[in-house]
All heavy atoms as atom14 arrays in JSON, in Angstrom:
{
  "sequence": "IGSLISVFFKDKIHNAMRRMKGDGSSIIGIIIASILG",
  "atom14_mask": [
    [1, 1, 1, 1, 1, 1, 1, 1, 0, 0, 0, 0, 0, 0],
    [1, 1, 1, 1, 0, 0, 0, 0, 0, 0, 0, 0, 0, 0],
    [1, 1, 1, 1, 1, 1, 0, 0, 0, 0, 0, 0, 0, 0],
    [1, 1, 1, 1, 1, 1, 1, 1, 0, 0, 0, 0, 0, 0],
    [1, 1, 1, 1, 1, 1, 1, 1, 0, 0, 0, 0, 0, 0],
    [1, 1, 1, 1, 1, 1, 0, 0, 0, 0, 0, 0, 0, 0],
    [1, 1, 1, 1, 1, 1, 1, 0, 0, 0, 0, 0, 0, 0],
    [1, 1, 1, 1, 1, 1, 1, 1, 1, 1, 1, 0, 0, 0],
    [1, 1, 1, 1, 1, 1, 1, 1, 1, 1, 1, 0, 0, 0],
    [1, 1, 1, 1, 1, 1, 1, 1, 1, 0, 0, 0, 0, 0],
    [1, 1, 1, 1, 1, 1, 1, 1, 0, 0, 0, 0, 0, 0],
    [1, 1, 1, 1, 1, 1, 1, 1, 1, 0, 0, 0, 0, 0],
    [1, 1, 1, 1, 1, 1, 1, 1, 0, 0, 0, 0, 0, 0],
    [1, 1, 1, 1, 1, 1, 1, 1, 1, 1, 0, 0, 0, 0],
    [1, 1, 1, 1, 1, 1, 1, 1, 0, 0, 0, 0, 0, 0],
    [1, 1, 1, 1, 1, 0, 0, 0, 0, 0, 0, 0, 0, 0],
    [1, 1, 1, 1, 1, 1, 1, 1, 0, 0, 0, 0, 0, 0],
    [1, 1, 1, 1, 1, 1, 1, 1, 1, 1, 1, 0, 0, 0],
    [1, 1, 1, 1, 1, 1, 1, 1, 1, 1, 1, 0, 0, 0],
    [1, 1, 1, 1, 1, 1, 1, 1, 0, 0, 0, 0, 0, 0],
    [1, 1, 1, 1, 1, 1, 1, 1, 1, 0, 0, 0, 0, 0],
    [1, 1, 1, 1, 0, 0, 0, 0, 0, 0, 0, 0, 0, 0],
    [1, 1, 1, 1, 1, 1, 1, 1, 0, 0, 0, 0, 0, 0],
    [1, 1, 1, 1, 0, 0, 0, 0, 0, 0, 0, 0, 0, 0],
    [1, 1, 1, 1, 1, 1, 0, 0, 0, 0, 0, 0, 0, 0],
    [1, 1, 1, 1, 1, 1, 0, 0, 0, 0, 0, 0, 0, 0],
    [1, 1, 1, 1, 1, 1, 1, 1, 0, 0, 0, 0, 0, 0],
    [1, 1, 1, 1, 1, 1, 1, 1, 0, 0, 0, 0, 0, 0],
    [1, 1, 1, 1, 0, 0, 0, 0, 0, 0, 0, 0, 0, 0],
    [1, 1, 1, 1, 1, 1, 1, 1, 0, 0, 0, 0, 0, 0],
    [1, 1, 1, 1, 1, 1, 1, 1, 0, 0, 0, 0, 0, 0],
    [1, 1, 1, 1, 1, 1, 1, 1, 0, 0, 0, 0, 0, 0],
    [1, 1, 1, 1, 1, 0, 0, 0, 0, 0, 0, 0, 0, 0],
    [1, 1, 1, 1, 1, 1, 0, 0, 0, 0, 0, 0, 0, 0],
    [1, 1, 1, 1, 1, 1, 1, 1, 0, 0, 0, 0, 0, 0],
    [1, 1, 1, 1, 1, 1, 1, 1, 0, 0, 0, 0, 0, 0],
    [1, 1, 1, 1, 0, 0, 0, 0, 0, 0, 0, 0, 0, 0]
  ],
  "atom14_positions": [
    [[166.81, 123.99, 176.67], [166.39, 122.65, 176.19], [166.48, 122.64, 174.63], [166.96, 121.58, 174.07], [165.0, 122.34, 176.57], [164.84, 122.14, 178.14], [164.41, 121.08, 175.83], [163.5, 121.82, 178.66], [0.0, 0.0, 0.0], [0.0, 0.0, 0.0], [0.0, 0.0, 0.0], [0.0, 0.0, 0.0], [0.0, 0.0, 0.0], [0.0, 0.0, 0.0]],
    [[166.14, 123.71, 173.92], [166.25, 123.69, 172.5], [167.68, 123.59, 172.08], [168.02, 122.79, 171.05], [0.0, 0.0, 0.0], [0.0, 0.0, 0.0], [0.0, 0.0, 0.0], [0.0, 0.0, 0.0], [0.0, 0.0, 0.0], [0.0, 0.0, 0.0], [0.0, 0.0, 0.0], [0.0, 0.0, 0.0], [0.0, 0.0, 0.0], [0.0, 0.0, 0.0]],
    [[168.67, 124.28, 172.77], [170.01, 124.08, 172.46], [170.57, 122.7, 172.72], [171.34, 122.21, 172.01], [170.83, 125.12, 173.17], [170.58, 126.55, 172.76], [0.0, 0.0, 0.0], [0.0, 0.0, 0.0], [0.0, 0.0, 0.0], [0.0, 0.0, 0.0], [0.0, 0.0, 0.0], [0.0, 0.0, 0.0], [0.0, 0.0, 0.0], [0.0, 0.0, 0.0]],
    [[170.17, 122.15, 173.91], [170.6, 120.78, 174.23], [170.23, 119.8, 173.19], [170.98, 118.87, 172.72], [169.98, 120.45, 175.59], [170.65, 121.07, 176.78], [169.76, 120.79, 178.04], [172.04, 120.56, 176.96], [0.0, 0.0, 0.0], [0.0, 0.0, 0.0], [0.0, 0.0, 0.0], [0.0, 0.0, 0.0], [0.0, 0.0, 0.0], [0.0, 0.0, 0.0]],
    [[168.91, 119.94, 172.71], [168.4, 118.91, 171.61], [169.12, 119.2, 170.31], [169.59, 118.2, 169.66], [166.97, 119.15, 171.56], [166.16, 118.66, 172.69], [166.39, 118.39, 170.22], [164.7, 118.94, 172.68], [0.0, 0.0, 0.0], [0.0, 0.0, 0.0], [0.0, 0.0, 0.0], [0.0, 0.0, 0.0], [0.0, 0.0, 0.0], [0.0, 0.0, 0.0]],
    [[169.4, 120.48, 170.02], [170.05, 120.81, 168.8], [171.58, 120.21, 168.74], [172.0, 119.68, 167.81], [170.11, 122.37, 168.53], [170.71, 122.7, 167.32], [0.0, 0.0, 0.0], [0.0, 0.0, 0.0], [0.0, 0.0, 0.0], [0.0, 0.0, 0.0], [0.0, 0.0, 0.0], [0.0, 0.0, 0.0], [0.0, 0.0, 0.0], [0.0, 0.0, 0.0]],
    [[172.23, 120.43, 169.89], [173.54, 119.97, 169.93], [173.77, 118.44, 170.05], [174.61, 117.77, 169.47], [174.33, 120.62, 171.1], [175.7, 120.09, 171.36], [174.42, 122.21, 170.85], [0.0, 0.0, 0.0], [0.0, 0.0, 0.0], [0.0, 0.0, 0.0], [0.0, 0.0, 0.0], [0.0, 0.0, 0.0], [0.0, 0.0, 0.0], [0.0, 0.0, 0.0]],
    [[172.97, 117.88, 170.94], [173.16, 116.39, 171.15], [172.19, 115.41, 170.52], [172.52, 114.27, 170.45], [172.96, 116.19, 172.7], [174.04, 116.94, 173.51], [173.74, 118.02, 174.23], [175.37, 116.57, 173.46], [174.69, 118.74, 174.98], [176.33, 117.28, 174.21], [176.0, 118.37, 174.95], [0.0, 0.0, 0.0], [0.0, 0.0, 0.0], [0.0, 0.0, 0.0]],
    [[171.03, 115.85, 170.07], [170.08, 114.92, 169.51], [169.57, 115.19, 168.13], [168.89, 114.39, 167.46], [168.74, 114.92, 170.41], [169.15, 114.4, 171.81], [169.19, 115.4, 172.9], [169.27, 113.11, 172.19], [169.47, 115.0, 174.12], [169.62, 112.71, 173.4], [169.71, 113.68, 174.46], [0.0, 0.0, 0.0], [0.0, 0.0, 0.0], [0.0, 0.0, 0.0]],
    [[169.91, 116.43, 167.54], [169.4, 116.79, 166.19], [169.8, 115.71, 165.13], [168.98, 115.29, 164.35], [170.01, 118.1, 165.83], [169.65, 118.62, 164.48], [170.2, 119.98, 164.23], [171.81, 119.99, 164.23], [172.29, 121.29, 164.04], [0.0, 0.0, 0.0], [0.0, 0.0, 0.0], [0.0, 0.0, 0.0], [0.0, 0.0, 0.0], [0.0, 0.0, 0.0]],
    [[171.08, 115.27, 165.15], [171.55, 114.34, 164.2], [170.85, 112.94, 164.34], [170.51, 112.34, 163.26], [173.03, 114.11, 164.2], [173.83, 115.33, 163.78], [173.2, 116.19, 163.12], [175.02, 115.45, 164.12], [0.0, 0.0, 0.0], [0.0, 0.0, 0.0], [0.0, 0.0, 0.0], [0.0, 0.0, 0.0], [0.0, 0.0, 0.0], [0.0, 0.0, 0.0]],
    [[170.59, 112.62, 165.56], [169.8, 111.32, 165.76], [168.39, 111.35, 165.19], [167.95, 110.48, 164.6], [169.8, 110.95, 167.3], [171.27, 110.67, 167.84], [171.06, 110.33, 169.36], [172.34, 109.84, 169.9], [173.42, 110.88, 169.89], [0.0, 0.0, 0.0], [0.0, 0.0, 0.0], [0.0, 0.0, 0.0], [0.0, 0.0, 0.0], [0.0, 0.0, 0.0]],
    [[167.79, 112.52, 165.42], [166.33, 112.71, 164.86], [166.36, 112.6, 163.41], [165.55, 111.94, 162.69], [165.88, 114.07, 165.34], [165.71, 113.98, 166.88], [164.51, 114.38, 164.68], [165.36, 115.34, 167.51], [0.0, 0.0, 0.0], [0.0, 0.0, 0.0], [0.0, 0.0, 0.0], [0.0, 0.0, 0.0], [0.0, 0.0, 0.0], [0.0, 0.0, 0.0]],
    [[167.3, 113.36, 162.79], [167.37, 113.39, 161.28], [167.81, 112.06, 160.61], [167.35, 111.62, 159.65], [168.22, 114.53, 160.82], [167.75, 115.9, 161.21], [168.53, 117.05, 161.33], [166.5, 116.28, 161.59], [167.81, 118.01, 161.65], [166.54, 117.58, 161.86], [0.0, 0.0, 0.0], [0.0, 0.0, 0.0], [0.0, 0.0, 0.0], [0.0, 0.0, 0.0]],
    [[168.74, 111.38, 161.37], [169.16, 110.05, 160.81], [167.96, 109.01, 160.9], [168.0, 108.06, 160.18], [170.36, 109.54, 161.67], [171.64, 110.31, 161.35], [171.73, 110.85, 160.27], [172.57, 110.32, 162.27], [0.0, 0.0, 0.0], [0.0, 0.0, 0.0], [0.0, 0.0, 0.0], [0.0, 0.0, 0.0], [0.0, 0.0, 0.0], [0.0, 0.0, 0.0]],
    [[167.16, 109.2, 161.96], [165.96, 108.37, 162.08], [165.02, 108.52, 160.88], [164.39, 107.55, 160.33], [165.18, 108.6, 163.36], [0.0, 0.0, 0.0], [0.0, 0.0, 0.0], [0.0, 0.0, 0.0], [0.0, 0.0, 0.0], [0.0, 0.0, 0.0], [0.0, 0.0, 0.0], [0.0, 0.0, 0.0], [0.0, 0.0, 0.0], [0.0, 0.0, 0.0]],
    [[164.93, 109.81, 160.44], [164.11, 110.04, 159.27], [164.83, 109.43, 157.98], [164.11, 108.86, 157.18], [164.02, 111.59, 159.06], [163.13, 112.03, 157.95], [161.38, 111.73, 158.4], [160.7, 112.37, 156.81], [0.0, 0.0, 0.0], [0.0, 0.0, 0.0], [0.0, 0.0, 0.0], [0.0, 0.0, 0.0], [0.0, 0.0, 0.0], [0.0, 0.0, 0.0]],
    [[166.14, 109.56, 157.95], [166.78, 109.03, 156.72], [166.67, 107.4, 156.57], [166.77, 106.81, 155.53], [168.29, 109.36, 156.77], [168.58, 110.86, 156.54], [170.04, 111.05, 156.36], [170.26, 112.55, 155.96], [170.59, 113.5, 156.89], [170.67, 113.11, 158.16], [170.77, 114.65, 156.52], [0.0, 0.0, 0.0], [0.0, 0.0, 0.0], [0.0, 0.0, 0.0]],
    [[166.57, 106.84, 157.79], [166.48, 105.37, 157.79], [165.08, 104.8, 157.4], [164.92, 103.58, 157.15], [166.84, 104.77, 159.19], [168.34, 104.88, 159.56], [168.62, 104.02, 160.79], [167.93, 104.55, 161.99], [168.51, 105.42, 162.87], [169.71, 105.92, 162.59], [167.82, 105.85, 163.86], [0.0, 0.0, 0.0], [0.0, 0.0, 0.0], [0.0, 0.0, 0.0]],
    [[164.13, 105.64, 157.17], [162.77, 105.22, 156.73], [162.93, 104.78, 155.3], [163.37, 105.48, 154.47], [161.79, 106.38, 156.84], [161.51, 106.8, 158.32], [160.57, 108.29, 158.49], [159.01, 107.72, 157.78], [0.0, 0.0, 0.0], [0.0, 0.0, 0.0], [0.0, 0.0, 0.0], [0.0, 0.0, 0.0], [0.0, 0.0, 0.0], [0.0, 0.0, 0.0]],
    [[162.45, 103.56, 155.06], [162.67, 103.05, 153.7], [161.33, 103.24, 152.83], [160.26, 103.32, 153.32], [162.72, 101.43, 153.89], [163.92, 101.02, 154.75], [165.27, 101.49, 154.14], [166.4, 101.0, 155.02], [167.66, 101.56, 154.47], [0.0, 0.0, 0.0], [0.0, 0.0, 0.0], [0.0, 0.0, 0.0], [0.0, 0.0, 0.0], [0.0, 0.0, 0.0]],
    [[161.67, 103.41, 151.59], [160.57, 103.79, 150.65], [159.48, 102.64, 150.43], [158.41, 102.95, 149.93], [0.0, 0.0, 0.0], [0.0, 0.0, 0.0], [0.0, 0.0, 0.0], [0.0, 0.0, 0.0], [0.0, 0.0, 0.0], [0.0, 0.0, 0.0], [0.0, 0.0, 0.0], [0.0, 0.0, 0.0], [0.0, 0.0, 0.0], [0.0, 0.0, 0.0]],
    [[159.77, 101.5, 150.88], [158.8, 100.41, 150.62], [158.03, 100.14, 151.83], [157.33, 99.11, 151.93], [159.49, 99.1, 150.13], [160.61, 98.69, 151.09], [160.95, 99.47, 152.07], [161.2, 97.59, 150.91], [0.0, 0.0, 0.0], [0.0, 0.0, 0.0], [0.0, 0.0, 0.0], [0.0, 0.0, 0.0], [0.0, 0.0, 0.0], [0.0, 0.0, 0.0]],
    [[158.2, 100.91, 152.88], [157.47, 100.67, 154.15], [155.97, 101.19, 154.11], [155.57, 101.74, 153.03], [0.0, 0.0, 0.0], [0.0, 0.0, 0.0], [0.0, 0.0, 0.0], [0.0, 0.0, 0.0], [0.0, 0.0, 0.0], [0.0, 0.0, 0.0], [0.0, 0.0, 0.0], [0.0, 0.0, 0.0], [0.0, 0.0, 0.0], [0.0, 0.0, 0.0]],
    [[155.24, 100.99, 155.13], [153.95, 101.5, 155.15], [153.76, 103.01, 155.08], [154.48, 103.74, 155.87], [153.2, 101.0, 156.5], [151.94, 101.67, 156.66], [0.0, 0.0, 0.0], [0.0, 0.0, 0.0], [0.0, 0.0, 0.0], [0.0, 0.0, 0.0], [0.0, 0.0, 0.0], [0.0, 0.0, 0.0], [0.0, 0.0, 0.0], [0.0, 0.0, 0.0]],
    [[153.1, 103.56, 154.14], [153.01, 104.99, 153.94], [152.29, 105.68, 155.09], [152.82, 106.71, 155.54], [152.24, 105.3, 152.62], [152.19, 106.68, 152.42], [0.0, 0.0, 0.0], [0.0, 0.0, 0.0], [0.0, 0.0, 0.0], [0.0, 0.0, 0.0], [0.0, 0.0, 0.0], [0.0, 0.0, 0.0], [0.0, 0.0, 0.0], [0.0, 0.0, 0.0]],
    [[151.29, 105.15, 155.61], [150.56, 105.82, 156.73], [151.41, 105.84, 158.02], [151.48, 106.81, 158.64], [149.16, 105.01, 156.88], [148.39, 104.92, 155.66], [148.35, 105.78, 158.05], [148.02, 106.3, 155.15], [0.0, 0.0, 0.0], [0.0, 0.0, 0.0], [0.0, 0.0, 0.0], [0.0, 0.0, 0.0], [0.0, 0.0, 0.0], [0.0, 0.0, 0.0]],
    [[152.02, 104.66, 158.33], [152.82, 104.7, 159.49], [154.03, 105.62, 159.32], [154.41, 106.28, 160.21], [153.42, 103.16, 159.75], [152.26, 102.29, 160.16], [154.45, 103.26, 160.74], [152.57, 100.84, 160.31], [0.0, 0.0, 0.0], [0.0, 0.0, 0.0], [0.0, 0.0, 0.0], [0.0, 0.0, 0.0], [0.0, 0.0, 0.0], [0.0, 0.0, 0.0]],
    [[154.59, 105.68, 158.07], [155.64, 106.58, 157.85], [155.26, 108.07, 158.03], [156.09, 108.8, 158.51], [0.0, 0.0, 0.0], [0.0, 0.0, 0.0], [0.0, 0.0, 0.0], [0.0, 0.0, 0.0], [0.0, 0.0, 0.0], [0.0, 0.0, 0.0], [0.0, 0.0, 0.0], [0.0, 0.0, 0.0], [0.0, 0.0, 0.0], [0.0, 0.0, 0.0]],
    [[153.93, 108.36, 157.59], [153.46, 109.74, 157.86], [153.41, 110.05, 159.33], [153.85, 111.2, 159.72], [152.13, 109.81, 157.18], [152.28, 109.83, 155.65], [151.45, 111.16, 157.68], [150.97, 109.83, 154.89], [0.0, 0.0, 0.0], [0.0, 0.0, 0.0], [0.0, 0.0, 0.0], [0.0, 0.0, 0.0], [0.0, 0.0, 0.0], [0.0, 0.0, 0.0]],
    [[152.99, 109.12, 160.11], [152.84, 109.43, 161.57], [154.2, 109.59, 162.13], [154.45, 110.5, 162.96], [152.07, 108.27, 162.22], [150.68, 108.11, 161.77], [152.14, 108.34, 163.81], [149.88, 106.87, 162.1], [0.0, 0.0, 0.0], [0.0, 0.0, 0.0], [0.0, 0.0, 0.0], [0.0, 0.0, 0.0], [0.0, 0.0, 0.0], [0.0, 0.0, 0.0]],
    [[155.15, 108.7, 161.79], [156.59, 108.78, 162.39], [157.23, 110.15, 161.92], [157.8, 110.75, 162.71], [157.38, 107.6, 161.84], [156.84, 106.24, 162.55], [158.83, 107.8, 162.28], [157.52, 105.02, 162.0], [0.0, 0.0, 0.0], [0.0, 0.0, 0.0], [0.0, 0.0, 0.0], [0.0, 0.0, 0.0], [0.0, 0.0, 0.0], [0.0, 0.0, 0.0]],
    [[156.98, 110.45, 160.69], [157.59, 111.69, 160.17], [157.08, 112.91, 160.84], [157.77, 113.86, 161.19], [157.23, 111.87, 158.64], [0.0, 0.0, 0.0], [0.0, 0.0, 0.0], [0.0, 0.0, 0.0], [0.0, 0.0, 0.0], [0.0, 0.0, 0.0], [0.0, 0.0, 0.0], [0.0, 0.0, 0.0], [0.0, 0.0, 0.0], [0.0, 0.0, 0.0]],
    [[155.79, 112.89, 161.22], [155.29, 114.01, 161.92], [155.76, 114.05, 163.45], [156.05, 115.16, 163.9], [153.68, 113.89, 161.97], [153.11, 115.09, 162.5], [0.0, 0.0, 0.0], [0.0, 0.0, 0.0], [0.0, 0.0, 0.0], [0.0, 0.0, 0.0], [0.0, 0.0, 0.0], [0.0, 0.0, 0.0], [0.0, 0.0, 0.0], [0.0, 0.0, 0.0]],
    [[156.02, 112.96, 164.02], [156.54, 112.88, 165.36], [158.1, 113.54, 165.2], [158.42, 114.27, 166.1], [156.6, 111.47, 165.83], [155.24, 111.06, 166.16], [157.43, 111.43, 167.13], [155.15, 109.5, 166.52], [0.0, 0.0, 0.0], [0.0, 0.0, 0.0], [0.0, 0.0, 0.0], [0.0, 0.0, 0.0], [0.0, 0.0, 0.0], [0.0, 0.0, 0.0]],
    [[158.79, 113.06, 164.2], [160.18, 113.52, 164.08], [160.29, 114.99, 163.77], [161.15, 115.66, 164.17], [160.93, 112.75, 163.05], [161.15, 111.2, 163.3], [161.68, 110.49, 162.14], [162.07, 111.02, 164.55], [0.0, 0.0, 0.0], [0.0, 0.0, 0.0], [0.0, 0.0, 0.0], [0.0, 0.0, 0.0], [0.0, 0.0, 0.0], [0.0, 0.0, 0.0]],
    [[159.23, 115.44, 163.0], [159.19, 116.85, 162.74], [158.95, 117.78, 164.01], [159.55, 118.81, 164.21], [0.0, 0.0, 0.0], [0.0, 0.0, 0.0], [0.0, 0.0, 0.0], [0.0, 0.0, 0.0], [0.0, 0.0, 0.0], [0.0, 0.0, 0.0], [0.0, 0.0, 0.0], [0.0, 0.0, 0.0], [0.0, 0.0, 0.0], [0.0, 0.0, 0.0]]
  ]
}
């Protein structure tokens, strides 16, 4: 499962983090960032 996520979903997870905007809600951003982590 780790390899499947790394090969097929890793970029999607990291791109979701990159799309987080600096002017968004800080608290919501913290929660989303922890989920993505």
